[in-house]
Protein backbone atom coordinates (compact mmCIF):
# COMPACT_ATOMS: atom_id res chain seq x y z
CA MET A 1 38.96 3.72 13.83
CA ALA A 2 35.50 5.31 13.49
CA TRP A 3 35.02 3.81 10.00
CA PRO A 4 34.39 0.18 11.12
CA ASP A 5 31.77 1.40 13.60
CA ARG A 6 29.85 3.03 10.75
CA VAL A 7 30.01 -0.11 8.64
CA VAL A 8 28.71 -2.23 11.52
CA MET A 9 25.90 0.23 12.23
CA ALA A 10 24.69 0.43 8.61
CA PRO A 11 22.72 -2.88 8.60
CA ALA A 12 21.06 -2.01 11.93
CA LEU A 13 20.11 1.43 10.63
CA SER A 14 18.73 -0.09 7.44
CA ARG A 15 16.74 -2.61 9.48
CA ARG A 16 15.28 0.16 11.62
CA ALA A 17 14.43 2.24 8.56
CA ARG A 18 12.67 -0.71 6.91
CA SER A 19 10.81 -1.50 10.10
CA ALA A 20 9.67 2.12 10.47
CA ALA A 21 8.65 2.21 6.79
CA ARG A 22 6.72 -1.05 7.23
CA TRP A 23 4.85 0.31 10.26
CA LEU A 24 4.08 3.56 8.48
CA LEU A 25 2.85 1.56 5.48
CA GLY A 26 0.63 -0.63 7.63
CA VAL A 27 -0.92 2.28 9.53
CA PHE A 28 -1.44 4.20 6.27
CA PHE A 29 -3.35 1.31 4.67
CA VAL A 30 -5.41 0.59 7.80
CA LEU A 31 -6.49 4.25 7.96
CA ALA A 32 -7.07 4.40 4.19
CA GLY A 33 -9.21 1.27 4.43
CA ALA A 34 -11.26 2.76 7.26
CA ASN A 35 -11.75 5.86 5.10
CA HIS A 36 -13.51 3.66 2.51
CA PHE A 37 -16.32 3.29 5.04
CA ALA A 38 -16.26 6.86 6.36
CA ASN A 39 -16.30 8.40 2.86
CA SER A 40 -17.77 5.68 0.65
CA GLY A 41 -19.36 8.23 -1.68
CA PHE A 42 -15.98 9.57 -2.78
CA TYR A 43 -14.69 6.11 -3.64
CA VAL A 44 -17.89 5.14 -5.44
CA ALA A 45 -17.56 8.30 -7.56
CA ILE A 46 -14.07 7.37 -8.77
CA MET A 47 -15.04 3.84 -9.82
CA PRO A 48 -14.84 3.27 -13.58
CA PRO A 49 -18.37 2.88 -14.97
CA TRP A 50 -17.58 -0.52 -16.54
CA LEU A 51 -17.10 -2.09 -13.08
CA PRO A 52 -20.19 -3.57 -11.40
CA TRP A 53 -21.19 -3.30 -7.72
CA HIS A 54 -19.48 0.01 -7.00
CA LEU A 55 -20.39 0.29 -3.32
CA GLU A 56 -19.66 -3.36 -2.63
CA LEU A 57 -16.24 -3.12 -4.31
CA VAL A 58 -15.45 0.00 -2.29
CA TRP A 59 -16.27 -1.87 0.91
CA LEU A 60 -14.31 -4.93 -0.22
CA SER A 61 -11.25 -2.84 -1.04
CA GLY A 62 -11.61 -1.08 2.33
CA VAL A 63 -11.66 -4.39 4.18
CA ALA A 64 -8.68 -5.58 2.11
CA GLU A 65 -6.71 -2.44 2.94
CA ILE A 66 -7.42 -2.80 6.65
CA VAL A 67 -6.58 -6.51 6.79
CA LEU A 68 -3.48 -6.31 4.57
CA GLY A 69 -2.27 -3.15 6.31
CA ALA A 70 -2.56 -4.94 9.64
CA MET A 71 -0.76 -7.99 8.25
CA VAL A 72 2.36 -6.01 7.33
CA LEU A 73 2.61 -4.83 10.93
CA PHE A 74 3.52 -8.33 12.07
CA ARG A 75 6.73 -10.06 10.99
CA ARG A 76 4.97 -13.42 10.68
CA THR A 77 2.50 -12.13 8.10
CA GLN A 78 4.38 -9.25 6.50
CA VAL A 79 5.32 -11.17 3.34
CA LEU A 80 1.77 -12.33 2.67
CA GLY A 81 0.46 -8.86 3.50
CA GLY A 82 3.05 -7.26 1.20
CA TRP A 83 2.04 -9.44 -1.74
CA GLY A 84 -1.60 -8.69 -0.99
CA LEU A 85 -0.97 -4.94 -0.96
CA ILE A 86 0.84 -5.17 -4.29
CA ALA A 87 -2.12 -7.05 -5.77
CA LEU A 88 -4.53 -4.51 -4.28
CA CYS A 89 -2.60 -1.53 -5.68
CA LEU A 90 -2.65 -3.13 -9.11
CA ALA A 91 -6.38 -3.85 -8.78
CA VAL A 92 -7.28 -0.24 -7.97
CA PHE A 93 -4.99 1.25 -10.63
CA PRO A 94 -7.82 1.37 -13.23
CA ALA A 95 -9.71 3.80 -10.96
CA ASN A 96 -6.68 6.12 -10.96
CA VAL A 97 -6.41 5.88 -14.75
CA HIS A 98 -10.15 6.56 -15.05
CA MET A 99 -9.75 9.70 -12.96
CA ALA A 100 -6.80 10.93 -15.04
CA LEU A 101 -8.64 10.31 -18.33
CA HIS A 102 -11.81 12.06 -17.13
CA PRO A 103 -10.71 15.12 -15.13
CA GLU A 104 -14.03 16.82 -15.88
CA LEU A 105 -15.68 14.33 -13.52
CA PHE A 106 -13.37 15.37 -10.68
CA PRO A 107 -13.21 19.19 -10.74
CA GLN A 108 -12.03 19.28 -7.12
CA PHE A 109 -8.67 17.95 -8.35
CA GLY A 110 -6.58 19.54 -11.08
CA PRO A 111 -5.76 17.41 -14.14
CA LEU A 112 -2.05 17.55 -13.30
CA LEU A 113 -2.71 16.13 -9.84
CA LEU A 114 -4.76 13.31 -11.33
CA TRP A 115 -1.93 12.39 -13.69
CA LEU A 116 0.67 12.65 -10.92
CA ARG A 117 -1.23 9.98 -8.97
CA LEU A 118 -0.22 7.38 -11.56
CA PRO A 119 3.54 7.46 -10.90
CA LEU A 120 2.77 7.68 -7.18
CA GLN A 121 1.28 4.19 -7.54
CA VAL A 122 4.72 3.01 -8.70
CA ALA A 123 6.26 4.71 -5.66
CA ALA A 124 3.72 2.95 -3.43
CA LEU A 125 4.62 -0.41 -4.99
CA ALA A 126 8.31 0.29 -4.38
CA TRP A 127 7.55 1.24 -0.77
CA ILE A 128 5.61 -2.01 -0.24
CA TRP A 129 8.37 -4.09 -1.83
CA TRP A 130 11.24 -2.42 0.03
CA SER A 131 9.62 -2.53 3.45
CA THR A 132 7.97 -5.97 3.33
CA LEU A 133 9.28 -8.17 0.52
CA SER A 134 12.89 -7.35 -0.30
CA ALA A 135 15.42 -9.89 0.95
CA ALA A 136 16.64 -7.51 3.66
CA ALA A 137 13.09 -6.88 4.93
CA ARG A 138 11.91 -10.49 5.12
CA PRO A 139 11.83 -12.25 8.46
CA THR A 140 14.38 -14.99 9.02
CA ARG A 141 11.73 -17.71 8.64
CA PHE A 142 9.41 -17.85 5.68
CA ALA A 143 6.07 -16.24 6.60
CA PHE A 144 3.76 -19.07 5.56
CA ARG A 145 5.43 -21.62 7.85
CA ASN A 146 4.75 -19.37 10.83
CA LEU A 147 1.01 -19.16 10.22
CA ARG A 148 0.39 -22.60 11.76
């Protein structure tokens, strides 16, 4: 008799876990975005040299992280925010590759740590997808219709 109760509770538990993961994701990106302004020098230093406007791109990515992180906190904008965070993670990936390929420029981090950051990007993408974009995470109405 206890088995049906567990089956009924599973979707609610999954919903709560996704909601908690989405909130954690949003807060993480909002704080990370704010850190782009508090510690701009660090982010400028990790920019690949072939990119122009280092400081401006650091600020732009900080604003994007704050805005997109805030968007995933709200059901109406979580899908758009999720897609934006995926695009942002892909856009900053070259900086992570640059760091891994040039560990001598970042002696405060070990080379192994710099290489481990690359698969962590994949984990971050999975976290974004699971908590904001997967079919079980999406709100009942499509996000863009609710922006009116």
